[in-house]
Amino acid sequence: MSERIDEQADSPRPHSTNRYARLLPWAVALLSILVFLIAAPFAKTPLPQVPAFIPVYESALILNDLITSVLLFGQCVIARSRALGALACAYLYTSAIALLHMLSFPGLFSPTGLLNAGPQSTAWIYMFWHAGFPCFVIAYALLKDKKQPRAMNGTIGAGRLMLVVGAVLCLAAGMAGLAIAGESLLPEVIQNNHYSPAMRWVAGTTWGFCLLAFAVLYRQRHRSTIDLWLMVVMCVWICDVALSAVFNGGRYDLGFYVGRFYGMCAASFVLLLLLVENTFLHSRLAAALDELKRLATTDPLTGVANRRAFDAALAAHWQRGVHDRSTLSLLMIDIDFFKRFNDRYGHVEGDRCLVLVAECLARTVRRGNDLVARYGGEEFVVLLPETDTVAAAHVGQRMCDAVLELAIPHGDLPHMPHVSISVGVASRVIETGVEMTDLTKAADHALYLAKAAGRGRVDIALMDQ
């Protein structure tokens, strides 16, 4: 996700929004440190034992991390990035090992926990959990720093993805297996629900991994938004381990509960960032799709509808008219002697003339469902649904007059000193058996008659009604 989120965070948005987006992680980190400093002196305060708290907390955490992992794997496939793959593996690892931690926790599903766990197993799974995640984060940061962070030119196949997922799940199972089967080989870190002095050394090692991950992220020259939030996660994890394994006395005291709260927050930061960024991506994608649709149906020079949009609108009105037996009128319009205009004034002025005429035609139509389109070259068409011949002819005459009022000079024509248009009008009651081409052919023939009769005028095609 890093490359995609970086692009979203560092471009197209207002500068102030980007600044606040980068200040927010630091504010959250400072707030977490402040809460830690307030809670640390009271970490050993005993509180009521609520065994149900663990499955509720860890179930939410497992789902959070699993969803985060799925979203990151999706970004990994799209961006073909090894760095994103490493980060997705980090959250998949925490989701899997948190599940094993919950199953082995004593007093939840059995007095000693499931999976044949011993009294030290759960505490060691917790440490493997909190030491493994920063290792994956370090891998993410190192891969991201490489000159070629993308996995390869091709897409990442499902087989390779499943292999990676299987390897991560096996790693989580292996760490849990070590904590359970190799319990006797590991130092004793908990005695009668209270932590032993060895726990401080183990927790200190876990701190070291978190601090190293923080340092690797911090040293990057161009830190992305997700890098900042991962630094916050490392900071919060240090507070989590400190409160629930160092400054507290054991399970179910104030430090134990507050540490779990820190863990829940840490699991949510990147997920919330992904969801927010996906919302921005979808909104921008929708805007880009609308723009593509507009470009696909708009003439780039004049700004009116293009031939494709006209054909689609004509087909839609024709289908509707077959059921309603409504009248559809079509105006075929041609700029008089436009080739001479181009030859005298040049193509730049010719394009300017086309734009002015198109804008004039678009201003003349008065209904929202009327359509003005550029048909090709200097030809335009106007589609007038539910308009009879007389009304369509009035619209055509208004257009002739409006173009003359533009007073665009046309020096090659003494009898016609300004640019003018000729208009052919065709109207038809739409019914079964009538072809759309009949209407366009009739309007084109009426335009030919208008030009043959001297141009700058409106002619009406006679059609069987």
Protein backbone atom coordinates (compact mmCIF):
# COMPACT_ATOMS: atom_id res chain seq x y z
CA MET A 1 0.00 0.00 0.00
CA SER A 2 2.90 2.36 0.63
CA GLU A 3 3.36 3.55 -2.93
CA ARG A 4 -0.36 4.05 -3.46
CA ILE A 5 -0.90 5.75 -0.13
CA ASP A 6 2.15 7.94 -0.70
CA GLU A 7 0.70 9.14 -3.97
CA GLN A 8 -2.62 9.86 -2.33
CA ALA A 9 -1.08 11.62 0.63
CA ASP A 10 1.46 13.70 -1.25
CA SER A 11 -0.45 14.88 -4.30
CA PRO A 12 -3.76 16.41 -5.58
CA ARG A 13 -4.81 17.40 -2.04
CA PRO A 14 -4.62 20.83 -0.44
CA HIS A 15 -1.32 21.57 1.34
CA SER A 16 -3.03 22.20 4.66
CA THR A 17 -4.78 18.82 4.56
CA ASN A 18 -1.49 17.07 3.80
CA ARG A 19 0.20 18.89 6.68
CA TYR A 20 -2.49 17.88 9.15
CA ALA A 21 -2.32 14.29 7.87
CA ARG A 22 1.38 14.23 8.76
CA LEU A 23 0.97 15.96 12.12
CA LEU A 24 -1.77 13.60 13.31
CA PRO A 25 0.51 10.54 13.78
CA TRP A 26 2.92 12.53 15.92
CA ALA A 27 0.02 13.86 17.99
CA VAL A 28 -1.25 10.31 18.54
CA ALA A 29 2.25 9.14 19.51
CA LEU A 30 2.62 11.95 22.04
CA LEU A 31 -0.81 11.19 23.47
CA SER A 32 0.06 7.51 23.85
CA ILE A 33 3.30 8.39 25.65
CA LEU A 34 1.40 10.78 27.95
CA VAL A 35 -1.15 8.09 28.84
CA PHE A 36 1.70 5.65 29.44
CA LEU A 37 3.45 8.04 31.80
CA ILE A 38 0.22 8.53 33.76
CA ALA A 39 -0.59 4.80 33.92
CA ALA A 40 2.92 3.42 34.57
CA PRO A 41 3.10 4.33 38.32
CA PHE A 42 -0.21 2.52 38.89
CA ALA A 43 0.51 -0.47 36.63
CA LYS A 44 0.67 -2.94 39.55
CA THR A 45 -2.73 -1.93 40.93
CA PRO A 46 -4.77 -5.14 41.11
CA LEU A 47 -8.11 -5.17 39.31
CA PRO A 48 -10.91 -7.77 39.16
CA GLN A 49 -10.10 -10.79 37.02
CA VAL A 50 -12.31 -10.79 33.93
CA PRO A 51 -11.28 -13.83 31.86
CA ALA A 52 -13.90 -12.96 29.21
CA PHE A 53 -11.93 -9.80 28.46
CA ILE A 54 -9.20 -11.80 26.70
CA PRO A 55 -11.34 -13.57 24.05
CA VAL A 56 -13.33 -10.39 23.37
CA TYR A 57 -10.17 -8.28 23.02
CA GLU A 58 -8.20 -10.80 20.99
CA SER A 59 -11.13 -11.70 18.72
CA ALA A 60 -11.44 -8.03 17.76
CA LEU A 61 -7.68 -7.79 17.30
CA ILE A 62 -7.55 -10.93 15.15
CA LEU A 63 -10.29 -9.62 12.86
CA ASN A 64 -8.64 -6.18 12.64
CA ASP A 65 -5.28 -7.63 11.68
CA LEU A 66 -6.79 -10.13 9.27
CA ILE A 67 -8.74 -7.42 7.42
CA THR A 68 -5.63 -5.22 7.34
CA SER A 69 -3.64 -8.11 5.92
CA VAL A 70 -6.21 -8.79 3.19
CA LEU A 71 -6.25 -5.12 2.16
CA LEU A 72 -2.46 -4.98 2.11
CA PHE A 73 -2.20 -8.18 0.07
CA GLY A 74 -4.63 -6.61 -2.39
CA GLN A 75 -2.40 -3.54 -2.67
CA CYS A 76 0.62 -5.83 -3.00
CA VAL A 77 -0.92 -7.60 -5.99
CA ILE A 78 -1.92 -4.30 -7.63
CA ALA A 79 1.42 -2.55 -7.01
CA ARG A 80 3.52 -5.73 -7.42
CA SER A 81 5.52 -4.61 -4.37
CA ARG A 82 7.59 -6.87 -2.14
CA ALA A 83 7.49 -4.21 0.57
CA LEU A 84 3.71 -4.31 0.72
CA GLY A 85 3.86 -8.09 0.76
CA ALA A 86 6.14 -8.00 3.80
CA LEU A 87 3.78 -5.63 5.61
CA ALA A 88 0.77 -7.78 4.72
CA CYS A 89 2.65 -10.78 6.15
CA ALA A 90 3.25 -8.83 9.36
CA TYR A 91 -0.46 -8.41 9.98
CA LEU A 92 -1.25 -11.97 8.92
CA TYR A 93 1.39 -13.20 11.38
CA THR A 94 -0.05 -11.18 14.27
CA SER A 95 -3.57 -12.34 13.43
CA ALA A 96 -2.54 -16.01 13.42
CA ILE A 97 -0.35 -15.91 16.52
CA ALA A 98 -2.93 -13.88 18.45
CA LEU A 99 -5.42 -16.67 17.79
CA LEU A 100 -2.96 -19.23 19.17
CA HIS A 101 -2.26 -16.97 22.15
CA MET A 102 -5.99 -16.81 22.93
CA LEU A 103 -6.43 -20.57 22.64
CA SER A 104 -3.51 -21.24 24.98
CA PHE A 105 -4.49 -18.62 27.57
CA PRO A 106 -5.13 -20.35 30.93
CA GLY A 107 -8.62 -20.13 32.35
CA LEU A 108 -10.45 -19.33 29.12
CA PHE A 109 -11.35 -22.59 27.42
CA SER A 110 -9.76 -24.84 30.05
CA PRO A 111 -7.98 -24.27 33.38
CA THR A 112 -4.55 -24.63 31.77
CA GLY A 113 -5.47 -23.49 28.24
CA LEU A 114 -5.81 -25.50 25.07
CA LEU A 115 -3.09 -26.83 22.74
CA ASN A 116 -1.47 -28.67 25.67
CA ALA A 117 0.08 -25.39 26.75
CA GLY A 118 2.10 -25.05 29.92
CA PRO A 119 2.16 -22.20 32.44
CA GLN A 120 4.92 -20.37 30.48
CA SER A 121 3.55 -20.96 26.99
CA THR A 122 1.08 -18.09 26.75
CA ALA A 123 3.58 -15.50 27.96
CA TRP A 124 6.19 -16.69 25.46
CA ILE A 125 3.67 -16.69 22.60
CA TYR A 126 2.91 -13.08 23.55
CA MET A 127 6.63 -12.23 23.31
CA PHE A 128 7.08 -14.04 19.99
CA TRP A 129 4.02 -12.16 18.79
CA HIS A 130 5.34 -8.72 19.77
CA ALA A 131 8.89 -9.43 18.59
CA GLY A 132 7.84 -10.91 15.23
CA PHE A 133 5.77 -7.97 14.02
CA PRO A 134 8.61 -5.38 14.16
CA CYS A 135 10.84 -7.84 12.28
CA PHE A 136 8.35 -7.84 9.41
CA VAL A 137 8.16 -4.03 9.61
CA ILE A 138 11.94 -3.84 9.28
CA ALA A 139 11.73 -6.07 6.21
CA TYR A 140 9.05 -3.78 4.78
CA ALA A 141 11.18 -0.67 5.31
CA LEU A 142 14.32 -2.24 3.82
CA LEU A 143 12.45 -3.54 0.77
CA LYS A 144 10.78 -0.17 0.32
CA ASP A 145 14.18 1.55 0.31
CA LYS A 146 15.42 -0.54 -2.59
CA LYS A 147 15.65 1.08 -6.02
CA GLN A 148 13.32 -1.57 -7.49
CA PRO A 149 10.62 -2.20 -4.88
CA ARG A 150 8.29 -3.98 -7.30
CA ALA A 151 8.23 -7.75 -7.25
CA MET A 152 8.39 -8.16 -11.05
CA ASN A 153 6.90 -6.84 -14.26
CA GLY A 154 4.16 -9.47 -14.26
CA THR A 155 1.35 -9.90 -11.79
CA ILE A 156 1.69 -11.93 -8.62
CA GLY A 157 -0.01 -15.27 -9.16
CA ALA A 158 -2.45 -16.89 -6.79
CA GLY A 159 -0.10 -19.84 -6.30
CA ARG A 160 2.75 -17.63 -5.12
CA LEU A 161 0.43 -15.67 -2.88
CA MET A 162 -0.90 -18.84 -1.27
CA LEU A 163 2.68 -20.04 -0.75
CA VAL A 164 3.54 -16.83 1.10
CA VAL A 165 0.39 -17.04 3.21
CA GLY A 166 1.13 -20.66 4.06
CA ALA A 167 4.70 -19.82 5.05
CA VAL A 168 3.54 -17.04 7.39
CA LEU A 169 0.94 -19.29 9.02
CA CYS A 170 3.57 -22.00 9.47
CA LEU A 171 5.90 -19.44 11.07
CA ALA A 172 3.19 -18.40 13.55
CA ALA A 173 2.43 -22.06 14.29
CA GLY A 174 6.14 -22.77 14.68
CA MET A 175 6.61 -19.95 17.19
CA ALA A 176 3.60 -21.14 19.17
CA GLY A 177 4.90 -24.71 18.96
CA LEU A 178 8.26 -23.59 20.32
CA ALA A 179 6.55 -21.85 23.23
CA ILE A 180 4.50 -24.97 23.97
CA ALA A 181 6.70 -27.96 23.12
CA GLY A 182 9.94 -26.20 24.03
CA GLU A 183 8.65 -24.60 27.19
CA SER A 184 11.28 -26.34 29.30
CA LEU A 185 14.04 -24.92 27.11
CA LEU A 186 12.90 -21.30 27.58
CA PRO A 187 13.53 -19.15 30.66
CA GLU A 188 10.74 -19.03 33.22
CA VAL A 189 8.96 -15.70 32.78
CA ILE A 190 5.79 -16.14 34.85
CA GLN A 191 5.12 -17.62 38.27
CA ASN A 192 1.59 -17.89 39.70
CA ASN A 193 0.20 -15.24 37.34
CA HIS A 194 3.11 -12.90 38.25
CA TYR A 195 6.12 -12.10 36.10
CA SER A 196 9.59 -13.25 37.05
CA PRO A 197 12.74 -11.09 36.82
CA ALA A 198 13.63 -12.85 33.56
CA MET A 199 10.58 -11.25 31.97
CA ARG A 200 12.31 -7.87 32.06
CA TRP A 201 15.14 -9.20 29.90
CA VAL A 202 12.73 -10.84 27.48
CA ALA A 203 10.59 -7.69 27.31
CA GLY A 204 13.73 -5.61 26.84
CA THR A 205 14.63 -7.70 23.79
CA THR A 206 11.16 -7.13 22.39
CA TRP A 207 11.61 -3.39 23.00
CA GLY A 208 14.86 -3.61 21.07
CA PHE A 209 13.09 -5.02 17.99
CA CYS A 210 10.43 -2.28 18.21
CA LEU A 211 13.03 0.47 18.61
CA LEU A 212 15.03 -0.92 15.70
CA ALA A 213 11.92 -0.94 13.50
CA PHE A 214 11.17 2.64 14.60
CA ALA A 215 14.74 3.71 13.74
CA VAL A 216 14.69 2.04 10.32
CA LEU A 217 11.42 3.78 9.49
CA TYR A 218 12.65 7.11 10.88
CA ARG A 219 15.88 7.12 8.85
CA GLN A 220 14.02 7.03 5.54
CA ARG A 221 14.43 10.22 3.56
CA HIS A 222 10.90 10.22 2.21
CA ARG A 223 8.55 8.85 4.84
CA SER A 224 5.08 8.04 3.60
CA THR A 225 1.90 8.36 5.61
CA ILE A 226 1.89 4.65 6.36
CA ASP A 227 5.52 4.88 7.53
CA LEU A 228 4.51 7.54 10.04
CA TRP A 229 1.65 5.41 11.34
CA LEU A 230 3.89 2.35 11.58
CA MET A 231 6.25 4.43 13.71
CA VAL A 232 3.26 5.22 15.93
CA VAL A 233 2.45 1.49 16.07
CA MET A 234 6.00 0.74 17.22
CA CYS A 235 5.75 3.45 19.86
CA VAL A 236 2.42 2.09 21.09
CA TRP A 237 3.76 -1.47 21.13
CA ILE A 238 6.64 -0.38 23.37
CA CYS A 239 4.07 1.10 25.74
CA ASP A 240 2.00 -2.08 25.46
CA VAL A 241 4.92 -4.37 26.39
CA ALA A 242 6.08 -2.01 29.13
CA LEU A 243 2.68 -1.83 30.82
CA SER A 244 1.69 -5.48 30.45
CA ALA A 245 5.05 -7.20 30.96
CA VAL A 246 7.49 -4.89 32.76
CA PHE A 247 5.93 -2.24 35.01
CA ASN A 248 2.95 -4.33 36.07
CA GLY A 249 2.98 -7.24 38.47
CA GLY A 250 1.17 -9.89 36.45
CA ARG A 251 -2.11 -10.72 34.80
CA TYR A 252 -5.33 -8.79 35.46
CA ASP A 253 -3.80 -5.67 37.01
CA LEU A 254 -4.05 -2.12 35.67
CA GLY A 255 -0.98 -2.45 33.47
CA PHE A 256 -2.32 -5.69 31.99
CA TYR A 257 -5.64 -4.12 30.95
CA VAL A 258 -4.18 -0.79 29.75
CA GLY A 259 -1.49 -2.65 27.77
CA ARG A 260 -4.19 -4.60 25.96
CA PHE A 261 -5.94 -1.32 25.19
CA TYR A 262 -2.69 -0.11 23.60
CA GLY A 263 -2.55 -3.31 21.58
CA MET A 264 -6.06 -2.77 20.26
CA CYS A 265 -5.20 0.78 19.24
CA ALA A 266 -2.03 -0.36 17.48
CA ALA A 267 -4.01 -2.94 15.52
CA SER A 268 -6.46 -0.28 14.34
CA PHE A 269 -4.20 2.53 13.10
CA VAL A 270 -3.13 1.07 9.75
CA LEU A 271 -6.57 -0.46 9.14
CA LEU A 272 -8.23 2.94 9.59
CA LEU A 273 -5.62 4.51 7.31
CA LEU A 274 -6.30 1.89 4.64
CA LEU A 275 -10.03 2.42 4.85
CA VAL A 276 -9.69 6.21 4.63
CA GLU A 277 -7.28 5.99 1.72
CA ASN A 278 -9.52 3.48 -0.08
CA THR A 279 -12.41 5.93 0.33
CA PHE A 280 -10.30 8.68 -1.27
CA LEU A 281 -9.23 6.32 -4.04
CA HIS A 282 -12.81 5.32 -4.81
CA SER A 283 -13.98 8.95 -4.85
CA ARG A 284 -11.16 9.93 -7.20
CA LEU A 285 -11.82 6.87 -9.36
CA ALA A 286 -15.49 7.86 -9.63
CA ALA A 287 -14.50 11.41 -10.59
CA ALA A 288 -12.03 10.09 -13.17
CA LEU A 289 -14.71 7.78 -14.60
CA ASP A 290 -17.12 10.70 -14.93
CA GLU A 291 -14.42 12.71 -16.67
CA LEU A 292 -13.70 9.83 -19.05
CA LYS A 293 -17.39 9.56 -19.88
CA ARG A 294 -17.51 13.30 -20.52
CA LEU A 295 -14.43 13.16 -22.76
CA ALA A 296 -15.83 10.18 -24.65
CA THR A 297 -19.04 12.06 -25.50
CA THR A 298 -17.72 15.60 -25.96
CA ASP A 299 -16.11 17.16 -29.01
CA PRO A 300 -12.67 18.33 -27.81
CA LEU A 301 -12.62 21.49 -29.92
CA THR A 302 -16.10 22.95 -29.55
CA GLY A 303 -17.19 21.48 -26.20
CA VAL A 304 -20.57 20.30 -27.53
CA ALA A 305 -21.54 16.64 -27.86
CA ASN A 306 -19.67 14.54 -30.40
CA ARG A 307 -20.94 12.16 -33.08
CA ARG A 308 -20.90 9.19 -30.68
CA ALA A 309 -23.07 11.03 -28.16
CA PHE A 310 -25.47 12.08 -30.90
CA ASP A 311 -25.84 8.52 -32.22
CA ALA A 312 -26.49 7.22 -28.70
CA ALA A 313 -29.05 9.96 -27.96
CA LEU A 314 -30.83 9.44 -31.28
CA ALA A 315 -31.08 5.68 -30.65
CA ALA A 316 -32.41 6.24 -27.12
CA HIS A 317 -35.05 8.78 -28.19
CA TRP A 318 -36.03 6.57 -31.10
CA GLN A 319 -36.61 3.53 -28.87
CA ARG A 320 -38.63 5.63 -26.44
CA GLY A 321 -40.63 7.17 -29.27
CA VAL A 322 -41.59 3.76 -30.68
CA HIS A 323 -43.54 3.10 -27.48
CA ASP A 324 -44.92 6.66 -27.08
CA ARG A 325 -45.47 7.51 -30.77
CA SER A 326 -43.90 10.88 -30.06
CA THR A 327 -42.49 13.33 -32.59
CA LEU A 328 -38.75 13.72 -33.02
CA SER A 329 -37.17 16.58 -34.97
CA LEU A 330 -33.64 16.81 -36.31
CA LEU A 331 -31.77 19.88 -37.55
CA MET A 332 -28.79 19.38 -39.85
CA ILE A 333 -26.62 22.53 -39.87
CA ASP A 334 -23.69 23.53 -42.05
CA ILE A 335 -21.50 26.65 -41.85
CA ASP A 336 -21.72 28.33 -45.24
CA PHE A 337 -18.56 28.47 -47.34
CA PHE A 338 -16.42 27.35 -44.42
CA LYS A 339 -13.61 26.08 -46.67
CA ARG A 340 -13.22 29.57 -48.14
CA PHE A 341 -13.16 30.99 -44.61
CA ASN A 342 -10.38 28.58 -43.65
CA ASP A 343 -8.38 29.37 -46.78
CA ARG A 344 -8.58 33.12 -46.18
CA TYR A 345 -8.14 33.36 -42.41
CA GLY A 346 -6.24 30.17 -41.59
CA HIS A 347 -7.02 27.14 -39.48
CA VAL A 348 -6.63 28.92 -36.14
CA GLU A 349 -9.38 31.37 -37.00
CA GLY A 350 -11.34 28.51 -38.55
CA ASP A 351 -11.25 26.64 -35.24
CA ARG A 352 -12.26 29.82 -33.43
CA CYS A 353 -15.21 30.19 -35.80
CA LEU A 354 -16.31 26.60 -35.11
CA VAL A 355 -16.15 27.20 -31.37
CA LEU A 356 -18.16 30.44 -31.56
CA VAL A 357 -20.84 28.87 -33.75
CA ALA A 358 -21.09 25.80 -31.50
CA GLU A 359 -21.47 27.96 -28.39
CA CYS A 360 -24.11 30.03 -30.16
CA LEU A 361 -26.11 26.94 -31.15
CA ALA A 362 -25.88 25.53 -27.61
CA ARG A 363 -27.18 28.82 -26.16
CA THR A 364 -30.12 28.87 -28.56
CA VAL A 365 -31.68 25.57 -27.46
CA ARG A 366 -33.85 26.07 -24.39
CA ARG A 367 -34.70 22.60 -23.09
CA GLY A 368 -32.54 20.25 -21.11
CA ASN A 369 -33.24 17.23 -23.30
CA ASP A 370 -32.34 19.03 -26.55
CA LEU A 371 -28.91 18.06 -27.87
CA VAL A 372 -26.44 20.04 -29.97
CA ALA A 373 -23.61 17.95 -31.41
CA ARG A 374 -20.79 18.34 -33.87
CA TYR A 375 -21.53 15.92 -36.69
CA GLY A 376 -18.21 16.28 -38.47
CA GLY A 377 -16.06 19.06 -39.93
CA GLU A 378 -18.22 22.19 -40.08
CA GLU A 379 -21.49 20.27 -39.73
CA PHE A 380 -23.63 20.28 -36.60
CA VAL A 381 -26.85 18.48 -35.67
CA VAL A 382 -29.55 19.41 -33.18
CA LEU A 383 -31.87 16.77 -31.74
CA LEU A 384 -35.26 18.08 -30.57
CA PRO A 385 -37.43 15.43 -28.87
CA GLU A 386 -41.21 15.93 -28.78
CA THR A 387 -40.95 18.85 -31.18
CA ASP A 388 -43.07 19.20 -34.33
CA THR A 389 -42.00 20.60 -37.68
CA VAL A 390 -43.16 24.18 -37.05
CA ALA A 391 -41.43 24.47 -33.69
CA ALA A 392 -38.25 22.87 -35.06
CA ALA A 393 -38.22 25.34 -37.96
CA HIS A 394 -38.53 28.23 -35.47
CA VAL A 395 -35.53 26.87 -33.57
CA GLY A 396 -33.59 26.61 -36.84
CA GLN A 397 -34.41 30.22 -37.75
CA ARG A 398 -33.37 31.43 -34.30
CA MET A 399 -30.06 29.72 -34.82
CA CYS A 400 -29.56 31.35 -38.22
CA ASP A 401 -30.27 34.78 -36.75
CA ALA A 402 -28.07 34.17 -33.69
CA VAL A 403 -25.06 33.15 -35.82
CA LEU A 404 -25.46 36.26 -37.99
CA GLU A 405 -25.52 38.37 -34.83
CA LEU A 406 -22.05 37.05 -34.00
CA ALA A 407 -20.86 39.19 -36.95
CA ILE A 408 -17.87 36.96 -37.74
CA PRO A 409 -16.30 38.59 -40.85
CA HIS A 410 -16.25 36.55 -44.06
CA GLY A 411 -14.39 38.76 -46.56
CA ASP A 412 -14.63 36.41 -49.55
CA LEU A 413 -18.40 36.83 -49.90
CA PRO A 414 -19.55 40.33 -50.90
CA HIS A 415 -23.22 39.35 -50.74
CA MET A 416 -22.74 37.64 -47.31
CA PRO A 417 -20.18 39.68 -45.30
CA HIS A 418 -20.54 37.59 -42.13
CA VAL A 419 -20.46 33.88 -41.36
CA SER A 420 -23.88 32.26 -41.72
CA ILE A 421 -25.38 28.79 -41.45
CA SER A 422 -27.82 26.73 -43.50
CA VAL A 423 -30.32 24.52 -41.68
CA GLY A 424 -32.23 21.45 -42.82
CA VAL A 425 -35.23 20.41 -40.71
CA ALA A 426 -36.83 16.98 -40.57
CA SER A 427 -39.60 15.85 -38.20
CA ARG A 428 -41.20 12.47 -37.82
CA VAL A 429 -43.75 10.70 -35.62
CA ILE A 430 -41.83 7.62 -34.54
CA GLU A 431 -43.59 4.33 -35.11
CA THR A 432 -42.77 0.72 -35.77
CA GLY A 433 -41.33 0.10 -39.21
CA VAL A 434 -39.70 3.52 -39.58
CA GLU A 435 -35.89 3.58 -39.72
CA MET A 436 -33.73 6.16 -37.92
CA THR A 437 -31.80 6.69 -41.13
CA ASP A 438 -34.98 8.02 -42.75
CA LEU A 439 -34.89 11.00 -40.40
CA THR A 440 -31.20 11.77 -40.91
CA LYS A 441 -31.47 11.38 -44.68
CA ALA A 442 -34.46 13.75 -44.77
CA ALA A 443 -32.66 16.38 -42.66
CA ASP A 444 -29.57 16.06 -44.86
CA HIS A 445 -31.68 16.49 -47.99
CA ALA A 446 -33.37 19.58 -46.50
CA LEU A 447 -29.91 21.01 -45.75
CA TYR A 448 -28.93 20.44 -49.40
CA LEU A 449 -32.04 22.33 -50.51
CA ALA A 450 -31.24 25.24 -48.15
CA LYS A 451 -27.72 25.51 -49.56
CA ALA A 452 -28.99 25.23 -53.15
CA ALA A 453 -31.51 28.00 -52.51
CA GLY A 454 -28.79 30.51 -51.56
CA ARG A 455 -27.63 29.46 -48.05
CA GLY A 456 -28.18 31.34 -44.78
CA ARG A 457 -31.70 29.94 -44.55
CA VAL A 458 -33.90 27.10 -43.21
CA ASP A 459 -35.50 24.43 -45.36
CA ILE A 460 -37.97 21.77 -44.23
CA ALA A 461 -38.04 18.18 -45.45
CA LEU A 462 -41.43 16.77 -46.36
CA MET A 463 -41.91 13.38 -44.73
CA ASP A 464 -44.87 11.01 -44.50
CA GLN A 465 -46.36 11.35 -41.04
